[in-house]
Amino acid sequence: MFVSTLRLINFRSYCDASVSFGDGLNVVVGDNATGKTNLLEGAWYALRGSSPRTRREDKLMTWGERFSRVELQLDGRAAGPQAVEAGFAPGQGKRMRWNGADVASLEDLRGRSQVFIFVPESLLLVKGSPARRRAHLDTFAAALDPAYAAAARDAQTALRQRNAQLYAVKHGASEAALDPWDVQFARAAVELGRRRRDLVDELAVSYAAAAADLAPAGETFTVQLVTQLAGVGYDEESLADELRRRRPGETARGLSLFGPHRDDLRFLEVPRDAPRSAAGDTAGAEPGGASPGDVRAADDAAPGDAGPKVVLPSGPVCGPVDLPRGGRDLRLFGSQGEQRAAVLALLLAEQRLAASRTGEQGTLFLDDVMSELDDARRRLLVRRLASAGQSIITTTNRHYFTEDELAAATVIELPLDGALAVGAVLPPADAGAPAPPEMDAL
């Protein structure tokens, strides 16, 4: 499955513009403010029903217009071409159509195709809050597995109801009223927790391979789920017991403080072969934990010394060090390029996992991914994308790609016909009006 054509009407900087894509690597080249990100956002909006950049859909409309609309065609399916339409108008809301039929829900829409996007805001998957990482995992998994979607909904509902009861108890309601909510929340939390654990276990294998493909020095990376449920063995009764034990503190706060809503995803560089000299290993230390040359023993101290004297080491001030035993957390210690590569590796891992489940390789939308990668990582990324189905990359600089890479790709130059000029708010006075839609929003 790949995006073959895209038409944007009154969408961001596009009055009425169309573009065609190839089924492999596509390179969209244009100066700043020529609509590169808007192009990817429009395609994503049609296939996912939301923007990766804003929650306010009125911001997607070209200024001064009364609606926005996106038309997209998918090819490469056994069932033949698929026509997707998405539209929004104030007062009408959002409407989605697939092959002319209304789509009942966003969940239904997202289950019909697999697509993956990197925009500059995607770096918050590494840099941002645990809530953002949980939401990303759950959105990806829900599009693949209706049972996961149901488990996430049930856990959220149970959490909201339990929090309401905790708040009531904080303000004088009977504490005994929490017992049934503890049982309900424990059941839903364990179900979601187990599914999320299994998802990350599956992703970790593909992530390690994708991250290795993007690591010029041969480093080893992984993703790790950090969850409180591991401490209770993903067991409902044990979780219910833990909730009762924590009840005084949770009642005082009026919030649930233990469960899968506290999970996090860590991006780690890990030792290649887990060397014995990892942090915390005491091999080679003197009795008492001191290493040779670190501290002079007390019985060697000169008379009148207050205690052991620190001996300053000689030789190089800095040198190669072993990774911490738990790995190097890229959120805290990763460079901008490493964090960018971590997000790309996650998207590639998700694409591979989705392909193994659905039999279709989803499209990768990659906005300005090359700018903060060094040349070695750029070459590695393009090489990996050669086997990743359709990918659409935007860039301001075609020299981020070699001539051979560009010759094998579909190159699209911006601005497109039907786009606003840089800095323009409305179309030029002599420009033709957009083609009239069949409906306002759709």
Protein backbone atom coordinates (compact mmCIF):
# COMPACT_ATOMS: atom_id res chain seq x y z
CA MET A 1 0.00 0.00 0.00
CA PHE A 2 1.31 3.44 -0.90
CA VAL A 3 0.00 6.97 -1.35
CA SER A 4 -0.20 7.56 -5.10
CA THR A 5 -1.93 10.96 -5.29
CA LEU A 6 -2.78 13.75 -2.89
CA ARG A 7 -4.96 16.82 -3.40
CA LEU A 8 -5.20 19.63 -0.84
CA ILE A 9 -8.02 22.20 -0.99
CA ASN A 10 -7.91 25.20 1.37
CA PHE A 11 -5.48 23.26 3.55
CA ARG A 12 -2.86 25.42 5.28
CA SER A 13 -0.87 27.12 2.48
CA TYR A 14 -2.56 25.18 -0.34
CA CYS A 15 -5.55 26.67 -2.20
CA ASP A 16 -5.95 23.75 -4.60
CA ALA A 17 -2.84 21.66 -5.26
CA SER A 18 -2.24 18.08 -6.37
CA VAL A 19 0.86 15.90 -6.30
CA SER A 20 1.74 12.31 -7.27
CA PHE A 21 4.16 10.04 -5.43
CA GLY A 22 6.16 6.96 -6.33
CA ASP A 23 5.98 3.68 -4.40
CA GLY A 24 9.58 3.93 -3.13
CA LEU A 25 11.67 6.84 -1.88
CA ASN A 26 10.17 10.29 -2.55
CA VAL A 27 12.21 13.44 -1.88
CA VAL A 28 10.24 16.67 -1.54
CA VAL A 29 12.60 19.63 -1.99
CA GLY A 30 11.71 23.24 -1.26
CA ASP A 31 12.76 26.40 0.52
CA ASN A 32 11.38 27.31 3.92
CA ALA A 33 7.66 28.21 3.94
CA THR A 34 6.90 26.48 0.63
CA GLY A 35 4.56 23.91 2.21
CA LYS A 36 6.71 20.81 2.78
CA THR A 37 5.39 20.04 6.26
CA ASN A 38 1.84 21.00 5.22
CA LEU A 39 2.01 18.39 2.45
CA LEU A 40 2.81 15.57 4.89
CA GLU A 41 0.32 16.90 7.43
CA GLY A 42 -2.44 16.80 4.82
CA ALA A 43 -1.74 13.18 3.90
CA TRP A 44 -1.59 12.21 7.57
CA TYR A 45 -4.86 14.02 8.26
CA ALA A 46 -6.64 12.06 5.54
CA LEU A 47 -5.41 8.70 6.85
CA ARG A 48 -5.55 9.37 10.58
CA GLY A 49 -8.21 12.04 10.99
CA SER A 50 -5.99 14.28 13.08
CA SER A 51 -2.99 16.55 12.73
CA PRO A 52 0.40 15.70 14.25
CA ARG A 53 0.91 19.41 14.93
CA THR A 54 -2.30 20.83 16.41
CA ARG A 55 -5.57 19.76 18.00
CA ARG A 56 -7.44 22.74 16.54
CA GLU A 57 -8.74 21.77 13.14
CA ASP A 58 -9.73 25.34 12.28
CA LYS A 59 -5.98 26.01 12.11
CA LEU A 60 -5.80 23.65 9.12
CA MET A 61 -7.98 25.89 6.95
CA THR A 62 -6.41 28.47 4.65
CA TRP A 63 -7.10 31.89 6.15
CA GLY A 64 -10.36 33.39 4.98
CA GLU A 65 -11.80 30.12 3.63
CA ARG A 66 -14.91 28.35 4.91
CA PHE A 67 -13.69 24.74 4.75
CA SER A 68 -10.64 22.54 4.18
CA ARG A 69 -10.53 19.28 2.30
CA VAL A 70 -8.02 16.52 1.51
CA GLU A 71 -8.37 13.85 -1.17
CA LEU A 72 -5.94 10.94 -1.24
CA GLN A 73 -5.61 7.72 -3.21
CA LEU A 74 -3.91 4.55 -2.00
CA ASP A 75 -2.63 1.99 -4.50
CA GLY A 76 -0.97 -1.38 -4.26
CA ARG A 77 -3.78 -3.22 -2.52
CA ALA A 78 -5.24 -6.47 -3.76
CA ALA A 79 -8.66 -4.81 -3.50
CA GLY A 80 -7.58 -2.09 -5.93
CA PRO A 81 -7.22 1.69 -5.47
CA GLN A 82 -8.72 3.17 -2.32
CA ALA A 83 -10.08 6.73 -2.32
CA VAL A 84 -9.92 8.60 0.99
CA GLU A 85 -11.50 11.99 1.67
CA ALA A 86 -11.30 14.15 4.78
CA GLY A 87 -12.95 17.51 5.30
CA PHE A 88 -13.60 20.06 7.99
CA ALA A 89 -15.81 23.14 8.20
CA PRO A 90 -16.71 25.18 11.29
CA GLY A 91 -20.21 24.29 12.36
CA GLN A 92 -20.15 21.03 10.37
CA GLY A 93 -17.24 19.39 12.10
CA LYS A 94 -15.06 16.72 10.53
CA ARG A 95 -16.17 14.13 8.00
CA MET A 96 -14.20 11.19 6.62
CA ARG A 97 -14.99 8.97 3.66
CA TRP A 98 -13.42 5.77 2.37
CA ASN A 99 -14.37 4.82 -1.19
CA GLY A 100 -17.36 7.14 -0.94
CA ALA A 101 -18.75 5.67 2.30
CA ASP A 102 -18.70 7.59 5.56
CA VAL A 103 -16.21 6.32 8.14
CA ALA A 104 -17.93 5.78 11.47
CA SER A 105 -15.04 6.60 13.80
CA LEU A 106 -11.35 7.53 13.94
CA GLU A 107 -10.64 4.08 15.33
CA ASP A 108 -12.22 2.56 12.22
CA LEU A 109 -10.25 4.91 9.93
CA ARG A 110 -6.92 4.17 11.60
CA GLY A 111 -7.42 0.45 11.33
CA ARG A 112 -7.69 0.59 7.53
CA SER A 113 -4.10 1.61 6.75
CA GLN A 114 -0.73 1.86 8.42
CA VAL A 115 1.23 5.11 8.20
CA PHE A 116 4.03 6.59 10.31
CA ILE A 117 5.19 10.18 10.63
CA PHE A 118 8.21 12.10 11.85
CA VAL A 119 7.84 15.85 12.32
CA PRO A 120 10.11 18.06 14.46
CA GLU A 121 7.65 17.68 17.34
CA SER A 122 8.27 13.91 17.21
CA LEU A 123 11.50 14.43 19.16
CA LEU A 124 9.24 14.87 22.19
CA LEU A 125 8.79 11.08 22.06
CA VAL A 126 12.28 10.96 23.55
CA LYS A 127 12.53 14.37 25.23
CA GLY A 128 8.97 14.79 26.43
CA SER A 129 6.74 13.39 29.15
CA PRO A 130 5.91 9.71 29.82
CA ALA A 131 2.29 10.50 28.93
CA ARG A 132 3.31 11.32 25.37
CA ARG A 133 5.18 8.04 25.01
CA ARG A 134 2.28 6.03 26.46
CA ALA A 135 -0.15 7.74 24.09
CA HIS A 136 2.09 7.00 21.11
CA LEU A 137 2.36 3.31 22.00
CA ASP A 138 -1.37 2.95 22.62
CA THR A 139 -2.38 4.77 19.43
CA PHE A 140 -0.07 2.57 17.34
CA ALA A 141 -1.25 -0.66 18.98
CA ALA A 142 -4.94 0.27 18.88
CA ALA A 143 -4.75 0.72 15.09
CA LEU A 144 -3.37 -2.82 14.80
CA ASP A 145 -5.43 -4.67 17.38
CA PRO A 146 -9.06 -3.92 18.33
CA ALA A 147 -8.58 -5.90 21.56
CA TYR A 148 -5.75 -3.56 22.59
CA ALA A 149 -7.96 -0.56 21.80
CA ALA A 150 -10.71 -2.01 24.00
CA ALA A 151 -8.25 -2.69 26.84
CA ALA A 152 -6.95 0.88 26.69
CA ARG A 153 -10.50 2.28 26.78
CA ASP A 154 -11.51 0.05 29.69
CA ALA A 155 -8.42 1.00 31.70
CA GLN A 156 -8.99 4.71 31.09
CA THR A 157 -12.65 4.42 32.12
CA ALA A 158 -11.81 2.47 35.27
CA LEU A 159 -9.06 4.94 36.19
CA ARG A 160 -11.40 7.91 35.76
CA GLN A 161 -14.09 6.28 37.90
CA ARG A 162 -11.64 5.27 40.63
CA ASN A 163 -10.14 8.77 40.72
CA ALA A 164 -13.62 10.22 41.14
CA GLN A 165 -14.25 7.89 44.09
CA LEU A 166 -10.86 8.74 45.64
CA TYR A 167 -11.77 12.41 45.40
CA ALA A 168 -15.12 11.69 47.07
CA VAL A 169 -13.42 9.78 49.91
CA LYS A 170 -10.97 12.65 50.36
CA HIS A 171 -13.96 14.91 50.96
CA GLY A 172 -15.76 12.64 53.41
CA ALA A 173 -17.27 9.66 51.57
CA SER A 174 -16.89 6.14 52.99
CA GLU A 175 -13.56 4.51 52.25
CA ALA A 176 -15.31 1.13 51.83
CA ALA A 177 -16.83 2.45 48.61
CA LEU A 178 -13.39 2.12 47.01
CA ASP A 179 -13.32 -1.70 47.22
CA PRO A 180 -15.32 -2.46 44.05
CA TRP A 181 -13.45 0.25 42.12
CA ASP A 182 -10.13 -1.29 43.18
CA VAL A 183 -11.22 -4.64 41.78
CA GLN A 184 -12.50 -3.13 38.53
CA PHE A 185 -9.39 -1.01 38.05
CA ALA A 186 -7.06 -3.93 38.86
CA ARG A 187 -8.73 -6.10 36.22
CA ALA A 188 -8.56 -3.43 33.51
CA ALA A 189 -5.06 -2.28 34.45
CA VAL A 190 -3.57 -5.76 34.32
CA GLU A 191 -5.17 -6.46 30.96
CA LEU A 192 -3.74 -3.28 29.45
CA GLY A 193 -0.41 -3.76 31.20
CA ARG A 194 0.07 -7.26 29.81
CA ARG A 195 -0.77 -6.14 26.28
CA ARG A 196 1.55 -3.13 26.52
CA ARG A 197 4.35 -5.35 27.87
CA ASP A 198 3.94 -7.81 25.01
CA LEU A 199 3.87 -4.97 22.49
CA VAL A 200 7.14 -3.50 23.74
CA ASP A 201 8.73 -6.96 23.81
CA GLU A 202 7.85 -7.36 20.12
CA LEU A 203 8.96 -3.85 19.23
CA ALA A 204 12.29 -4.22 21.04
CA VAL A 205 13.51 -6.86 18.57
CA SER A 206 12.79 -4.76 15.49
CA TYR A 207 13.94 -1.59 17.24
CA ALA A 208 17.35 -3.07 18.00
CA ALA A 209 17.79 -4.03 14.35
CA ALA A 210 16.62 -0.63 13.04
CA ALA A 211 18.75 1.29 15.54
CA ALA A 212 21.79 -0.81 14.62
CA ASP A 213 21.18 0.03 10.95
CA LEU A 214 21.36 3.74 11.86
CA ALA A 215 24.41 3.48 14.13
CA PRO A 216 27.63 4.15 12.20
CA ALA A 217 29.87 3.13 15.13
CA GLY A 218 28.04 -0.15 15.73
CA GLU A 219 26.40 0.82 19.01
CA THR A 220 23.59 -1.32 20.46
CA PHE A 221 20.24 0.22 21.40
CA THR A 222 16.98 -1.01 22.86
CA VAL A 223 13.64 0.18 24.20
CA GLN A 224 12.48 -0.78 27.67
CA LEU A 225 9.09 -0.55 29.33
CA VAL A 226 9.26 0.88 32.85
CA THR A 227 6.14 -0.22 34.72
CA GLN A 228 4.97 -0.58 38.30
CA LEU A 229 2.94 -3.65 37.33
CA ALA A 230 6.10 -5.73 37.06
CA GLY A 231 6.42 -5.39 40.84
CA VAL A 232 3.07 -7.15 41.33
CA GLY A 233 3.69 -9.74 38.62
CA TYR A 234 0.87 -8.45 36.40
CA ASP A 235 -1.52 -10.18 38.79
CA GLU A 236 -4.98 -8.77 39.54
CA GLU A 237 -5.15 -9.87 43.18
CA SER A 238 -1.64 -8.62 43.91
CA LEU A 239 -2.47 -5.28 42.32
CA ALA A 240 -5.69 -4.99 44.32
CA ASP A 241 -3.70 -5.69 47.50
CA GLU A 242 -1.17 -3.02 46.55
CA LEU A 243 -3.95 -0.52 45.92
CA ARG A 244 -5.39 -1.19 49.38
CA ARG A 245 -1.93 -0.76 50.91
CA ARG A 246 -1.50 2.58 49.15
CA ARG A 247 -5.02 3.78 49.87
CA PRO A 248 -4.16 6.35 52.57
CA GLY A 249 -1.72 8.16 50.30
CA GLU A 250 -3.97 8.00 47.26
CA THR A 251 -6.97 9.20 49.26
CA ALA A 252 -4.99 12.17 50.53
CA ARG A 253 -4.10 13.09 46.95
CA GLY A 254 -7.44 12.14 45.43
CA LEU A 255 -5.59 10.34 42.63
CA SER A 256 -4.53 6.83 41.64
CA LEU A 257 -0.75 6.68 41.91
CA PHE A 258 -0.09 3.06 40.94
CA GLY A 259 -0.90 1.38 37.63
CA PRO A 260 -0.23 1.37 33.89
CA HIS A 261 -1.05 5.10 33.66
CA ARG A 262 2.40 5.60 35.23
CA ASP A 263 4.27 3.50 32.64
CA ASP A 264 7.15 4.92 30.64
CA LEU A 265 9.24 3.87 27.64
CA ARG A 266 13.02 4.29 27.82
CA PHE A 267 15.37 4.56 24.85
CA LEU A 268 18.71 3.08 25.86
CA GLU A 269 22.18 2.43 24.53
CA VAL A 270 23.25 -0.83 26.12
CA PRO A 271 26.59 -2.68 26.29
CA ARG A 272 27.20 -4.92 23.31
CA ASP A 273 28.31 -7.88 25.42
CA ALA A 274 27.48 -6.77 28.99
CA PRO A 275 31.14 -6.45 30.15
CA ARG A 276 32.00 -7.27 33.74
CA SER A 277 33.32 -3.76 34.23
CA ALA A 278 29.85 -2.25 33.94
CA ALA A 279 28.78 0.24 36.58
CA GLY A 280 28.24 -1.38 39.96
CA ASP A 281 30.65 -4.28 39.32
CA THR A 282 33.17 -4.58 42.15
CA ALA A 283 35.62 -6.78 40.27
CA GLY A 284 39.14 -5.67 40.90
CA ALA A 285 38.31 -3.60 43.98
CA GLU A 286 40.24 -3.80 47.21
CA PRO A 287 38.50 -5.04 50.37
CA GLY A 288 36.03 -2.44 51.53
CA GLY A 289 35.19 -1.44 48.00
CA ALA A 290 38.14 0.86 47.22
CA SER A 291 40.04 0.38 44.01
CA PRO A 292 43.86 0.26 44.05
CA GLY A 293 45.29 3.76 44.10
CA ASP A 294 42.03 5.44 45.07
CA VAL A 295 42.49 5.75 48.81
CA ARG A 296 45.48 5.26 51.10
CA ALA A 297 44.58 2.85 53.90
CA ALA A 298 44.23 4.31 57.40
CA ASP A 299 47.09 2.24 58.85
CA ASP A 300 49.44 3.76 56.25
CA ALA A 301 48.55 7.31 57.28
CA ALA A 302 51.17 9.52 58.86
CA PRO A 303 50.86 10.33 62.57
CA GLY A 304 48.39 13.12 63.15
CA ASP A 305 46.45 12.49 59.97
CA ALA A 306 42.72 12.97 60.39
CA GLY A 307 41.99 9.99 58.21
CA PRO A 308 42.60 8.45 54.79
CA LYS A 309 44.02 10.80 52.20
CA VAL A 310 42.66 10.91 48.70
CA VAL A 311 45.36 10.25 46.15
CA LEU A 312 44.75 12.17 42.95
CA PRO A 313 45.10 9.91 39.92
CA SER A 314 47.77 10.57 37.37
CA GLY A 315 47.55 10.11 33.64
CA PRO A 316 44.79 11.13 31.24
CA VAL A 317 41.96 13.11 32.80
CA CYS A 318 39.29 11.52 30.62
CA GLY A 319 39.03 8.37 28.56
CA PRO A 320 36.66 5.64 27.38
CA VAL A 321 34.23 4.51 30.06
CA ASP A 322 31.87 1.58 30.29
CA LEU A 323 28.15 2.16 29.92
CA PRO A 324 26.07 2.10 33.11
CA ARG A 325 24.72 -1.34 33.89
CA GLY A 326 21.18 -0.22 33.10
CA GLY A 327 22.24 1.44 29.84
CA ARG A 328 22.62 5.07 28.75
CA ASP A 329 19.26 6.82 28.72
CA LEU A 330 19.02 8.83 25.50
CA ARG A 331 16.43 11.16 27.00
CA LEU A 332 18.98 12.36 29.52
CA PHE A 333 22.31 11.77 27.80
CA GLY A 334 21.63 11.43 24.07
CA SER A 335 22.71 14.00 21.51
CA GLN A 336 20.17 15.67 19.25
CA GLY A 337 21.20 13.37 16.40
CA GLU A 338 20.98 10.27 18.60
CA GLN A 339 17.51 11.26 19.81
CA ARG A 340 16.40 11.81 16.23
CA ALA A 341 17.80 8.42 15.21
CA ALA A 342 16.00 6.84 18.19
CA VAL A 343 12.62 8.14 17.01
CA LEU A 344 13.31 7.02 13.44
CA ALA A 345 14.29 3.55 14.68
CA LEU A 346 11.02 3.34 16.63
CA LEU A 347 8.99 4.25 13.53
CA LEU A 348 10.87 1.69 11.43
CA ALA A 349 10.28 -0.94 14.13
CA GLU A 350 6.57 -0.10 14.21
CA GLN A 351 6.41 -0.30 10.42
CA ARG A 352 7.99 -3.76 10.46
CA LEU A 353 5.71 -5.01 13.24
CA ALA A 354 2.62 -3.67 11.45
CA ALA A 355 3.73 -5.33 8.20
CA SER A 356 4.12 -8.67 9.98
CA ARG A 357 0.55 -8.42 11.28
CA THR A 358 -1.23 -6.93 8.27
CA GLY A 359 0.91 -8.04 5.33
CA GLU A 360 1.19 -4.43 4.14
CA GLN A 361 4.14 -2.07 4.50
CA GLY A 362 2.84 1.33 5.60
CA THR A 363 4.11 4.67 4.31
CA LEU A 364 6.72 6.67 6.23
CA PHE A 365 6.26 10.47 6.26
CA LEU A 366 9.57 12.03 7.31
CA ASP A 367 9.74 15.80 7.68
CA ASP A 368 13.21 17.37 7.73
CA VAL A 369 14.90 14.29 9.17
CA MET A 370 18.25 14.90 7.50
CA SER A 371 19.12 18.30 8.95
CA GLU A 372 20.52 17.09 12.29
CA LEU A 373 21.95 13.76 11.15
CA ASP A 374 25.61 13.49 10.22
CA ASP A 375 26.48 12.29 6.75
CA ALA A 376 27.13 8.71 7.87
CA ARG A 377 23.67 8.43 9.43
CA ARG A 378 22.07 9.99 6.35
CA ARG A 379 23.58 7.30 4.13
CA LEU A 380 22.51 4.58 6.55
CA LEU A 381 18.96 5.95 6.73
CA VAL A 382 18.55 6.10 2.94
CA ARG A 383 19.93 2.57 2.66
CA ARG A 384 17.41 1.34 5.24
CA LEU A 385 14.54 3.16 3.53
CA ALA A 386 15.33 1.37 0.27
CA SER A 387 13.76 -1.76 1.78
CA ALA A 388 11.02 0.04 3.75
CA GLY A 389 8.38 0.45 1.06
CA GLN A 390 7.17 3.99 0.40
CA SER A 391 8.80 6.87 2.22
CA ILE A 392 8.26 10.59 1.63
CA ILE A 393 11.06 12.82 2.93
CA THR A 394 11.04 16.60 2.92
CA THR A 395 14.21 18.69 2.84
CA THR A 396 15.45 22.18 2.07
CA ASN A 397 18.73 20.84 0.71
CA ARG A 398 18.94 18.21 -2.01
CA HIS A 399 22.66 17.87 -1.27
CA TYR A 400 21.74 15.81 1.79
CA PHE A 401 21.29 13.05 -0.82
CA THR A 402 23.81 11.65 -3.25
CA GLU A 403 23.22 11.85 -6.99
CA ASP A 404 22.66 8.09 -7.12
CA GLU A 405 20.07 8.29 -4.33
CA LEU A 406 18.21 11.09 -6.10
CA ALA A 407 18.33 9.22 -9.42
CA ALA A 408 16.59 6.23 -7.78
CA ALA A 409 13.99 8.42 -6.03
CA THR A 410 10.94 10.40 -7.10
CA VAL A 411 11.96 14.05 -6.65
CA ILE A 412 9.20 16.63 -6.13
CA GLU A 413 10.10 20.32 -6.31
CA LEU A 414 8.12 22.89 -4.34
CA PRO A 415 6.25 25.20 -4.52
CA LEU A 416 3.40 23.38 -6.24
CA ASP A 417 0.90 25.06 -8.53
CA GLY A 418 -2.04 26.04 -6.36
CA ALA A 419 0.05 26.92 -3.30
CA LEU A 420 0.16 30.37 -1.74
CA ALA A 421 3.31 32.37 -2.37
CA VAL A 422 5.70 32.65 0.57
CA GLY A 423 4.29 35.21 3.01
CA ALA A 424 0.93 35.45 1.26
CA VAL A 425 -2.30 35.22 3.25
CA LEU A 426 -4.76 35.05 0.36
CA PRO A 427 -4.36 33.89 -3.27
CA PRO A 428 -3.30 36.52 -5.82
CA ALA A 429 -6.22 38.52 -7.21
CA ASP A 430 -5.90 36.94 -10.65
CA ALA A 431 -5.76 33.39 -9.35
CA GLY A 432 -8.64 31.07 -10.19
CA ALA A 433 -10.90 29.92 -7.38
CA PRO A 434 -10.41 26.39 -6.01
CA ALA A 435 -12.38 23.70 -7.77
CA PRO A 436 -15.82 23.57 -6.11
CA PRO A 437 -16.13 20.56 -3.80
CA GLU A 438 -19.01 18.15 -3.98
CA MET A 439 -19.85 19.21 -0.44
CA ASP A 440 -18.57 21.91 1.86
CA ALA A 441 -16.30 19.94 4.15
CA LEU A 442 -16.63 16.82 2.02
